[in-house]
Amino acid sequence: MENEERIGLGVASMIFGIISLASMCFIVISVFFGILAIIFGILSIIFEKKNKLKLTGLILGLISITITIVLYLVLGVWDLNIFMIPKWYI
């Protein structure tokens, strides 16, 4: 039992990072799951010694939050909506 590797926090971090990337169109949801991915990634780095997933979740969370914020700023500056239908399409 003592030799078992604990990978629960790293797996949770990676899953939250993937959910955050998949939900980038929804700003609040993406940032929420990105923050969870970062928190679990940091906890995984602290408590789990031999886990390769810990950095994956942390990086996915950081990338997702960065892309979501940039997307929000660009759409806000251009006054665009992701779900709008262009006038030339109608």
PDB file of N, CA and C in Angstrom:
ATOM      1  N   MET A   1       0.800  -1.195   0.000  1.00  0.00           N
ATOM      2  CA  MET A   1       0.000   0.000   0.000  1.00  0.00           C
ATOM      3  C   MET A   1       0.849   1.269   0.000  1.00  0.00           C
ATOM      4  N   GLU A   2       2.017   1.222   0.580  1.00  0.00           N
ATOM      5  CA  GLU A   2       2.836   2.421   0.677  1.00  0.00           C
ATOM      6  C   GLU A   2       3.465   2.791  -0.660  1.00  0.00           C
ATOM      7  N   ASN A   3       3.618   1.844  -1.573  1.00  0.00           N
ATOM      8  CA  ASN A   3       4.262   2.112  -2.846  1.00  0.00           C
ATOM      9  C   ASN A   3       3.301   2.586  -3.922  1.00  0.00           C
ATOM     10  N   GLU A   4       2.028   2.640  -3.617  1.00  0.00           N
ATOM     11  CA  GLU A   4       1.054   3.076  -4.605  1.00  0.00           C
ATOM     12  C   GLU A   4       1.231   4.561  -4.898  1.00  0.00           C
ATOM     13  N   GLU A   5       1.139   4.882  -6.193  1.00  0.00           N
ATOM     14  CA  GLU A   5       1.226   6.287  -6.580  1.00  0.00           C
ATOM     15  C   GLU A   5      -0.149   6.921  -6.480  1.00  0.00           C
ATOM     16  N   ARG A   6      -0.201   8.089  -5.927  1.00  0.00           N
ATOM     17  CA  ARG A   6      -1.447   8.838  -5.839  1.00  0.00           C
ATOM     18  C   ARG A   6      -1.490   9.780  -7.031  1.00  0.00           C
ATOM     19  N   ILE A   7      -2.496   9.628  -7.876  1.00  0.00           N
ATOM     20  CA  ILE A   7      -2.589  10.468  -9.063  1.00  0.00           C
ATOM     21  C   ILE A   7      -3.937  11.175  -9.168  1.00  0.00           C
ATOM     22  N   GLY A   8      -4.725  11.147  -8.113  1.00  0.00           N
ATOM     23  CA  GLY A   8      -6.073  11.708  -8.161  1.00  0.00           C
ATOM     24  C   GLY A   8      -6.104  13.200  -8.436  1.00  0.00           C
ATOM     25  N   LEU A   9      -5.234  13.962  -7.792  1.00  0.00           N
ATOM     26  CA  LEU A   9      -5.231  15.402  -7.991  1.00  0.00           C
ATOM     27  C   LEU A   9      -4.772  15.770  -9.397  1.00  0.00           C
ATOM     28  N   GLY A  10      -3.789  15.039  -9.913  1.00  0.00           N
ATOM     29  CA  GLY A  10      -3.310  15.297 -11.272  1.00  0.00           C
ATOM     30  C   GLY A  10      -4.367  14.991 -12.320  1.00  0.00           C
ATOM     31  N   VAL A  11      -5.089  13.897 -12.125  1.00  0.00           N
ATOM     32  CA  VAL A  11      -6.164  13.533 -13.057  1.00  0.00           C
ATOM     33  C   VAL A  11      -7.286  14.569 -12.991  1.00  0.00           C
ATOM     34  N   ALA A  12      -7.648  14.993 -11.787  1.00  0.00           N
ATOM     35  CA  ALA A  12      -8.686  16.016 -11.642  1.00  0.00           C
ATOM     36  C   ALA A  12      -8.258  17.321 -12.307  1.00  0.00           C
ATOM     37  N   SER A  13      -7.005  17.690 -12.140  1.00  0.00           N
ATOM     38  CA  SER A  13      -6.491  18.902 -12.765  1.00  0.00           C
ATOM     39  C   SER A  13      -6.564  18.816 -14.282  1.00  0.00           C
ATOM     40  N   MET A  14      -6.183  17.674 -14.832  1.00  0.00           N
ATOM     41  CA  MET A  14      -6.220  17.499 -16.281  1.00  0.00           C
ATOM     42  C   MET A  14      -7.662  17.515 -16.806  1.00  0.00           C
ATOM     43  N   ILE A  15      -8.570  16.870 -16.104  1.00  0.00           N
ATOM     44  CA  ILE A  15      -9.976  16.841 -16.540  1.00  0.00           C
ATOM     45  C   ILE A  15     -10.581  18.239 -16.493  1.00  0.00           C
ATOM     46  N   PHE A  16     -10.320  18.980 -15.420  1.00  0.00           N
ATOM     47  CA  PHE A  16     -10.834  20.350 -15.345  1.00  0.00           C
ATOM     48  C   PHE A  16     -10.215  21.234 -16.427  1.00  0.00           C
ATOM     49  N   GLY A  17      -8.952  21.004 -16.753  1.00  0.00           N
ATOM     50  CA  GLY A  17      -8.316  21.761 -17.833  1.00  0.00           C
ATOM     51  C   GLY A  17      -8.947  21.474 -19.184  1.00  0.00           C
ATOM     52  N   ILE A  18      -9.266  20.215 -19.438  1.00  0.00           N
ATOM     53  CA  ILE A  18      -9.916  19.848 -20.701  1.00  0.00           C
ATOM     54  C   ILE A  18     -11.325  20.435 -20.769  1.00  0.00           C
ATOM     55  N   ILE A  19     -12.069  20.374 -19.678  1.00  0.00           N
ATOM     56  CA  ILE A  19     -13.414  20.965 -19.652  1.00  0.00           C
ATOM     57  C   ILE A  19     -13.322  22.472 -19.873  1.00  0.00           C
ATOM     58  N   SER A  20     -12.323  23.090 -19.282  1.00  0.00           N
ATOM     59  CA  SER A  20     -12.147  24.529 -19.450  1.00  0.00           C
ATOM     60  C   SER A  20     -11.841  24.886 -20.897  1.00  0.00           C
ATOM     61  N   LEU A  21     -11.010  24.091 -21.556  1.00  0.00           N
ATOM     62  CA  LEU A  21     -10.715  24.332 -22.979  1.00  0.00           C
ATOM     63  C   LEU A  21     -11.945  24.106 -23.848  1.00  0.00           C
ATOM     64  N   ALA A  22     -12.724  23.096 -23.502  1.00  0.00           N
ATOM     65  CA  ALA A  22     -13.899  22.777 -24.319  1.00  0.00           C
ATOM     66  C   ALA A  22     -15.022  23.802 -24.165  1.00  0.00           C
ATOM     67  N   SER A  23     -15.012  24.542 -23.073  1.00  0.00           N
ATOM     68  CA  SER A  23     -16.095  25.492 -22.827  1.00  0.00           C
ATOM     69  C   SER A  23     -15.632  26.940 -22.947  1.00  0.00           C
ATOM     70  N   MET A  24     -14.699  27.200 -23.843  1.00  0.00           N
ATOM     71  CA  MET A  24     -14.161  28.560 -23.967  1.00  0.00           C
ATOM     72  C   MET A  24     -15.174  29.572 -24.482  1.00  0.00           C
ATOM     73  N   CYS A  25     -16.223  29.130 -25.134  1.00  0.00           N
ATOM     74  CA  CYS A  25     -17.252  30.069 -25.615  1.00  0.00           C
ATOM     75  C   CYS A  25     -18.061  30.632 -24.460  1.00  0.00           C
ATOM     76  N   PHE A  26     -18.087  29.934 -23.350  1.00  0.00           N
ATOM     77  CA  PHE A  26     -18.813  30.385 -22.167  1.00  0.00           C
ATOM     78  C   PHE A  26     -17.790  30.869 -21.149  1.00  0.00           C
ATOM     79  N   ILE A  27     -17.652  32.167 -21.037  1.00  0.00           N
ATOM     80  CA  ILE A  27     -16.536  32.769 -20.312  1.00  0.00           C
ATOM     81  C   ILE A  27     -16.515  32.364 -18.843  1.00  0.00           C
ATOM     82  N   VAL A  28     -17.639  32.461 -18.170  1.00  0.00           N
ATOM     83  CA  VAL A  28     -17.674  32.183 -16.729  1.00  0.00           C
ATOM     84  C   VAL A  28     -17.341  30.721 -16.455  1.00  0.00           C
ATOM     85  N   ILE A  29     -17.912  29.827 -17.227  1.00  0.00           N
ATOM     86  CA  ILE A  29     -17.673  28.392 -17.030  1.00  0.00           C
ATOM     87  C   ILE A  29     -16.213  28.056 -17.306  1.00  0.00           C
ATOM     88  N   SER A  30     -15.668  28.605 -18.379  1.00  0.00           N
ATOM     89  CA  SER A  30     -14.285  28.318 -18.744  1.00  0.00           C
ATOM     90  C   SER A  30     -13.305  28.819 -17.689  1.00  0.00           C
ATOM     91  N   VAL A  31     -13.514  30.027 -17.199  1.00  0.00           N
ATOM     92  CA  VAL A  31     -12.614  30.571 -16.179  1.00  0.00           C
ATOM     93  C   VAL A  31     -12.760  29.793 -14.874  1.00  0.00           C
ATOM     94  N   PHE A  32     -13.980  29.401 -14.519  1.00  0.00           N
ATOM     95  CA  PHE A  32     -14.201  28.624 -13.299  1.00  0.00           C
ATOM     96  C   PHE A  32     -13.431  27.297 -13.347  1.00  0.00           C
ATOM     97  N   PHE A  33     -13.591  26.547 -14.447  1.00  0.00           N
ATOM     98  CA  PHE A  33     -12.894  25.270 -14.553  1.00  0.00           C
ATOM     99  C   PHE A  33     -11.391  25.464 -14.737  1.00  0.00           C
ATOM    100  N   GLY A  34     -10.987  26.562 -15.352  1.00  0.00           N
ATOM    101  CA  GLY A  34      -9.557  26.855 -15.466  1.00  0.00           C
ATOM    102  C   GLY A  34      -8.923  27.108 -14.110  1.00  0.00           C
ATOM    103  N   ILE A  35      -9.636  27.839 -13.257  1.00  0.00           N
ATOM    104  CA  ILE A  35      -9.130  28.093 -11.909  1.00  0.00           C
ATOM    105  C   ILE A  35      -9.069  26.791 -11.112  1.00  0.00           C
ATOM    106  N   LEU A  36     -10.088  25.941 -11.260  1.00  0.00           N
ATOM    107  CA  LEU A  36     -10.044  24.634 -10.588  1.00  0.00           C
ATOM    108  C   LEU A  36      -8.868  23.797 -11.082  1.00  0.00           C
ATOM    109  N   ALA A  37      -8.596  23.832 -12.387  1.00  0.00           N
ATOM    110  CA  ALA A  37      -7.467  23.080 -12.940  1.00  0.00           C
ATOM    111  C   ALA A  37      -6.151  23.584 -12.368  1.00  0.00           C
ATOM    112  N   ILE A  38      -6.024  24.902 -12.223  1.00  0.00           N
ATOM    113  CA  ILE A  38      -4.793  25.464 -11.659  1.00  0.00           C
ATOM    114  C   ILE A  38      -4.643  25.088 -10.190  1.00  0.00           C
ATOM    115  N   ILE A  39      -5.730  25.164  -9.435  1.00  0.00           N
ATOM    116  CA  ILE A  39      -5.674  24.815  -8.010  1.00  0.00           C
ATOM    117  C   ILE A  39      -5.294  23.350  -7.826  1.00  0.00           C
ATOM    118  N   PHE A  40      -5.971  22.456  -8.557  1.00  0.00           N
ATOM    119  CA  PHE A  40      -5.651  21.034  -8.423  1.00  0.00           C
ATOM    120  C   PHE A  40      -4.255  20.720  -8.957  1.00  0.00           C
ATOM    121  N   GLY A  41      -3.807  21.453  -9.980  1.00  0.00           N
ATOM    122  CA  GLY A  41      -2.444  21.268 -10.477  1.00  0.00           C
ATOM    123  C   GLY A  41      -1.409  21.646  -9.440  1.00  0.00           C
ATOM    124  N   ILE A  42      -1.631  22.761  -8.754  1.00  0.00           N
ATOM    125  CA  ILE A  42      -0.696  23.178  -7.702  1.00  0.00           C
ATOM    126  C   ILE A  42      -0.712  22.197  -6.540  1.00  0.00           C
ATOM    127  N   LEU A  43      -1.908  21.748  -6.142  1.00  0.00           N
ATOM    128  CA  LEU A  43      -1.994  20.740  -5.074  1.00  0.00           C
ATOM    129  C   LEU A  43      -1.313  19.439  -5.486  1.00  0.00           C
ATOM    130  N   SER A  44      -1.428  19.090  -6.753  1.00  0.00           N
ATOM    131  CA  SER A  44      -0.784  17.880  -7.241  1.00  0.00           C
ATOM    132  C   SER A  44       0.738  18.008  -7.202  1.00  0.00           C
ATOM    133  N   ILE A  45       1.241  19.179  -7.545  1.00  0.00           N
ATOM    134  CA  ILE A  45       2.691  19.400  -7.479  1.00  0.00           C
ATOM    135  C   ILE A  45       3.185  19.296  -6.039  1.00  0.00           C
ATOM    136  N   ILE A  46       2.397  19.787  -5.110  1.00  0.00           N
ATOM    137  CA  ILE A  46       2.803  19.767  -3.704  1.00  0.00           C
ATOM    138  C   ILE A  46       2.730  18.363  -3.110  1.00  0.00           C
ATOM    139  N   PHE A  47       1.626  17.647  -3.356  1.00  0.00           N
ATOM    140  CA  PHE A  47       1.388  16.386  -2.649  1.00  0.00           C
ATOM    141  C   PHE A  47       1.745  15.123  -3.420  1.00  0.00           C
ATOM    142  N   GLU A  48       1.772  15.162  -4.721  1.00  0.00           N
ATOM    143  CA  GLU A  48       2.053  13.960  -5.497  1.00  0.00           C
ATOM    144  C   GLU A  48       3.445  14.067  -6.098  1.00  0.00           C
ATOM    145  N   LYS A  49       4.278  13.114  -5.784  1.00  0.00           N
ATOM    146  CA  LYS A  49       5.686  13.185  -6.185  1.00  0.00           C
ATOM    147  C   LYS A  49       5.926  12.721  -7.618  1.00  0.00           C
ATOM    148  N   LYS A  50       5.450  11.547  -7.968  1.00  0.00           N
ATOM    149  CA  LYS A  50       5.765  10.959  -9.280  1.00  0.00           C
ATOM    150  C   LYS A  50       4.542  10.955 -10.179  1.00  0.00           C
ATOM    151  N   ASN A  51       4.081  12.110 -10.507  1.00  0.00           N
ATOM    152  CA  ASN A  51       2.880  12.197 -11.334  1.00  0.00           C
ATOM    153  C   ASN A  51       3.183  13.074 -12.538  1.00  0.00           C
ATOM    154  N   LYS A  52       2.965  12.545 -13.725  1.00  0.00           N
ATOM    155  CA  LYS A  52       3.228  13.303 -14.947  1.00  0.00           C
ATOM    156  C   LYS A  52       2.046  14.165 -15.364  1.00  0.00           C
ATOM    157  N   LEU A  53       0.887  13.921 -14.786  1.00  0.00           N
ATOM    158  CA  LEU A  53      -0.313  14.656 -15.169  1.00  0.00           C
ATOM    159  C   LEU A  53      -0.426  16.016 -14.491  1.00  0.00           C
ATOM    160  N   LYS A  54       0.370  16.241 -13.455  1.00  0.00           N
ATOM    161  CA  LYS A  54       0.209  17.470 -12.684  1.00  0.00           C
ATOM    162  C   LYS A  54       0.501  18.716 -13.510  1.00  0.00           C
ATOM    163  N   LEU A  55       1.524  18.681 -14.324  1.00  0.00           N
ATOM    164  CA  LEU A  55       1.837  19.842 -15.148  1.00  0.00           C
ATOM    165  C   LEU A  55       0.863  19.992 -16.310  1.00  0.00           C
ATOM    166  N   THR A  56       0.337  18.885 -16.791  1.00  0.00           N
ATOM    167  CA  THR A  56      -0.614  18.942 -17.902  1.00  0.00           C
ATOM    168  C   THR A  56      -1.860  19.727 -17.511  1.00  0.00           C
ATOM    169  N   GLY A  57      -2.444  19.430 -16.380  1.00  0.00           N
ATOM    170  CA  GLY A  57      -3.631  20.150 -15.931  1.00  0.00           C
ATOM    171  C   GLY A  57      -3.351  21.604 -15.637  1.00  0.00           C
ATOM    172  N   LEU A  58      -2.196  21.872 -15.033  1.00  0.00           N
ATOM    173  CA  LEU A  58      -1.827  23.248 -14.725  1.00  0.00           C
ATOM    174  C   LEU A  58      -1.657  24.070 -15.999  1.00  0.00           C
ATOM    175  N   ILE A  59      -0.982  23.519 -16.990  1.00  0.00           N
ATOM    176  CA  ILE A  59      -0.759  24.219 -18.259  1.00  0.00           C
ATOM    177  C   ILE A  59      -2.067  24.392 -19.020  1.00  0.00           C
ATOM    178  N   LEU A  60      -2.909  23.366 -19.050  1.00  0.00           N
ATOM    179  CA  LEU A  60      -4.203  23.488 -19.719  1.00  0.00           C
ATOM    180  C   LEU A  60      -5.065  24.569 -19.076  1.00  0.00           C
ATOM    181  N   GLY A  61      -5.062  24.650 -17.764  1.00  0.00           N
ATOM    182  CA  GLY A  61      -5.829  25.676 -17.074  1.00  0.00           C
ATOM    183  C   GLY A  61      -5.329  27.075 -17.395  1.00  0.00           C
ATOM    184  N   LEU A  62      -4.007  27.256 -17.397  1.00  0.00           N
ATOM    185  CA  LEU A  62      -3.445  28.567 -17.719  1.00  0.00           C
ATOM    186  C   LEU A  62      -3.722  28.970 -19.160  1.00  0.00           C
ATOM    187  N   ILE A  63      -3.555  28.030 -20.086  1.00  0.00           N
ATOM    188  CA  ILE A  63      -3.821  28.318 -21.498  1.00  0.00           C
ATOM    189  C   ILE A  63      -5.290  28.660 -21.707  1.00  0.00           C
ATOM    190  N   SER A  64      -6.170  27.906 -21.096  1.00  0.00           N
ATOM    191  CA  SER A  64      -7.598  28.132 -21.267  1.00  0.00           C
ATOM    192  C   SER A  64      -8.026  29.496 -20.734  1.00  0.00           C
ATOM    193  N   ILE A  65      -7.548  29.861 -19.558  1.00  0.00           N
ATOM    194  CA  ILE A  65      -7.905  31.169 -19.006  1.00  0.00           C
ATOM    195  C   ILE A  65      -7.347  32.286 -19.878  1.00  0.00           C
ATOM    196  N   THR A  66      -6.125  32.139 -20.346  1.00  0.00           N
ATOM    197  CA  THR A  66      -5.514  33.162 -21.197  1.00  0.00           C
ATOM    198  C   THR A  66      -6.288  33.333 -22.493  1.00  0.00           C
ATOM    199  N   ILE A  67      -6.604  32.241 -23.170  1.00  0.00           N
ATOM    200  CA  ILE A  67      -7.338  32.318 -24.435  1.00  0.00           C
ATOM    201  C   ILE A  67      -8.739  32.880 -24.216  1.00  0.00           C
ATOM    202  N   THR A  68      -9.397  32.471 -23.132  1.00  0.00           N
ATOM    203  CA  THR A  68     -10.745  32.962 -22.848  1.00  0.00           C
ATOM    204  C   THR A  68     -10.747  34.465 -22.610  1.00  0.00           C
ATOM    205  N   ILE A  69      -9.782  34.959 -21.850  1.00  0.00           N
ATOM    206  CA  ILE A  69      -9.716  36.396 -21.577  1.00  0.00           C
ATOM    207  C   ILE A  69      -9.390  37.175 -22.850  1.00  0.00           C
ATOM    208  N   VAL A  70      -8.460  36.673 -23.651  1.00  0.00           N
ATOM    209  CA  VAL A  70      -8.127  37.342 -24.914  1.00  0.00           C
ATOM    210  C   VAL A  70      -9.341  37.340 -25.842  1.00  0.00           C
ATOM    211  N   LEU A  71     -10.039  36.216 -25.927  1.00  0.00           N
ATOM    212  CA  LEU A  71     -11.243  36.132 -26.759  1.00  0.00           C
ATOM    213  C   LEU A  71     -12.302  37.120 -26.283  1.00  0.00           C
ATOM    214  N   TYR A  72     -12.485  37.217 -24.985  1.00  0.00           N
ATOM    215  CA  TYR A  72     -13.461  38.148 -24.424  1.00  0.00           C
ATOM    216  C   TYR A  72     -13.086  39.593 -24.734  1.00  0.00           C
ATOM    217  N   LEU A  73     -11.798  39.928 -24.590  1.00  0.00           N
ATOM    218  CA  LEU A  73     -11.352  41.288 -24.871  1.00  0.00           C
ATOM    219  C   LEU A  73     -11.485  41.637 -26.347  1.00  0.00           C
ATOM    220  N   VAL A  74     -11.118  40.707 -27.229  1.00  0.00           N
ATOM    221  CA  VAL A  74     -11.199  40.963 -28.666  1.00  0.00           C
ATOM    222  C   VAL A  74     -12.649  41.132 -29.088  1.00  0.00           C
ATOM    223  N   LEU A  75     -13.516  40.259 -28.629  1.00  0.00           N
ATOM    224  CA  LEU A  75     -14.929  40.379 -28.994  1.00  0.00           C
ATOM    225  C   LEU A  75     -15.555  41.615 -28.369  1.00  0.00           C
ATOM    226  N   GLY A  76     -15.112  41.990 -27.187  1.00  0.00           N
ATOM    227  CA  GLY A  76     -15.643  43.182 -26.557  1.00  0.00           C
ATOM    228  C   GLY A  76     -15.196  44.453 -27.257  1.00  0.00           C
ATOM    229  N   VAL A  77     -13.942  44.478 -27.697  1.00  0.00           N
ATOM    230  CA  VAL A  77     -13.427  45.654 -28.399  1.00  0.00           C
ATOM    231  C   VAL A  77     -14.089  45.787 -29.764  1.00  0.00           C
ATOM    232  N   TRP A  78     -14.262  44.690 -30.456  1.00  0.00           N
ATOM    233  CA  TRP A  78     -14.874  44.726 -31.785  1.00  0.00           C
ATOM    234  C   TRP A  78     -16.398  44.761 -31.722  1.00  0.00           C
ATOM    235  N   ASP A  79     -16.952  44.644 -30.509  1.00  0.00           N
ATOM    236  CA  ASP A  79     -18.396  44.638 -30.303  1.00  0.00           C
ATOM    237  C   ASP A  79     -19.069  43.542 -31.135  1.00  0.00           C
ATOM    238  N   LEU A  80     -18.492  42.354 -31.042  1.00  0.00           N
ATOM    239  CA  LEU A  80     -19.005  41.206 -31.781  1.00  0.00           C
ATOM    240  C   LEU A  80     -19.615  40.193 -30.818  1.00  0.00           C
ATOM    241  N   ASN A  81     -20.404  39.326 -31.378  1.00  0.00           N
ATOM    242  CA  ASN A  81     -21.008  38.243 -30.625  1.00  0.00           C
ATOM    243  C   ASN A  81     -20.617  36.940 -31.315  1.00  0.00           C
ATOM    244  N   ILE A  82     -20.246  35.935 -30.551  1.00  0.00           N
ATOM    245  CA  ILE A  82     -19.834  34.661 -31.140  1.00  0.00           C
ATOM    246  C   ILE A  82     -20.967  34.032 -31.936  1.00  0.00           C
ATOM    247  N   PHE A  83     -22.182  34.184 -31.471  1.00  0.00           N
ATOM    248  CA  PHE A  83     -23.317  33.503 -32.071  1.00  0.00           C
ATOM    249  C   PHE A  83     -24.081  34.365 -33.071  1.00  0.00           C
ATOM    250  N   MET A  84     -23.474  35.456 -33.535  1.00  0.00           N
ATOM    251  CA  MET A  84     -24.178  36.320 -34.481  1.00  0.00           C
ATOM    252  C   MET A  84     -24.106  35.754 -35.905  1.00  0.00           C
ATOM    253  N   ILE A  85     -25.076  36.081 -36.707  1.00  0.00           N
ATOM    254  CA  ILE A  85     -25.100  35.687 -38.123  1.00  0.00           C
ATOM    255  C   ILE A  85     -24.723  36.926 -38.937  1.00  0.00           C
ATOM    256  N   PRO A  86     -23.675  36.857 -39.741  1.00  0.00           N
ATOM    257  CA  PRO A  86     -23.259  38.036 -40.504  1.00  0.00           C
ATOM    258  C   PRO A  86     -24.367  38.487 -41.464  1.00  0.00           C
ATOM    259  N   LYS A  87     -24.405  39.791 -41.762  1.00  0.00           N
ATOM    260  CA  LYS A  87     -25.437  40.338 -42.634  1.00  0.00           C
ATOM    261  C   LYS A  87     -25.298  39.812 -44.052  1.00  0.00           C
ATOM    262  N   TRP A  88     -24.073  39.557 -44.495  1.00  0.00           N
ATOM    263  CA  TRP A  88     -23.884  39.067 -45.861  1.00  0.00           C
ATOM    264  C   TRP A  88     -24.365  37.638 -46.023  1.00  0.00           C
ATOM    265  N   TYR A  89     -24.547  36.920 -44.920  1.00  0.00           N
ATOM    266  CA  TYR A  89     -24.979  35.523 -44.991  1.00  0.00           C
ATOM    267  C   TYR A  89     -26.480  35.403 -45.214  1.00  0.00           C
ATOM    268  N   ILE A  90     -27.234  36.415 -44.818  1.00  0.00           N
ATOM    269  CA  ILE A  90     -28.708  36.359 -44.920  1.00  0.00           C
ATOM    270  C   ILE A  90     -29.156  36.714 -46.298  1.00  0.00           C
TER     271      ILE A  90
END
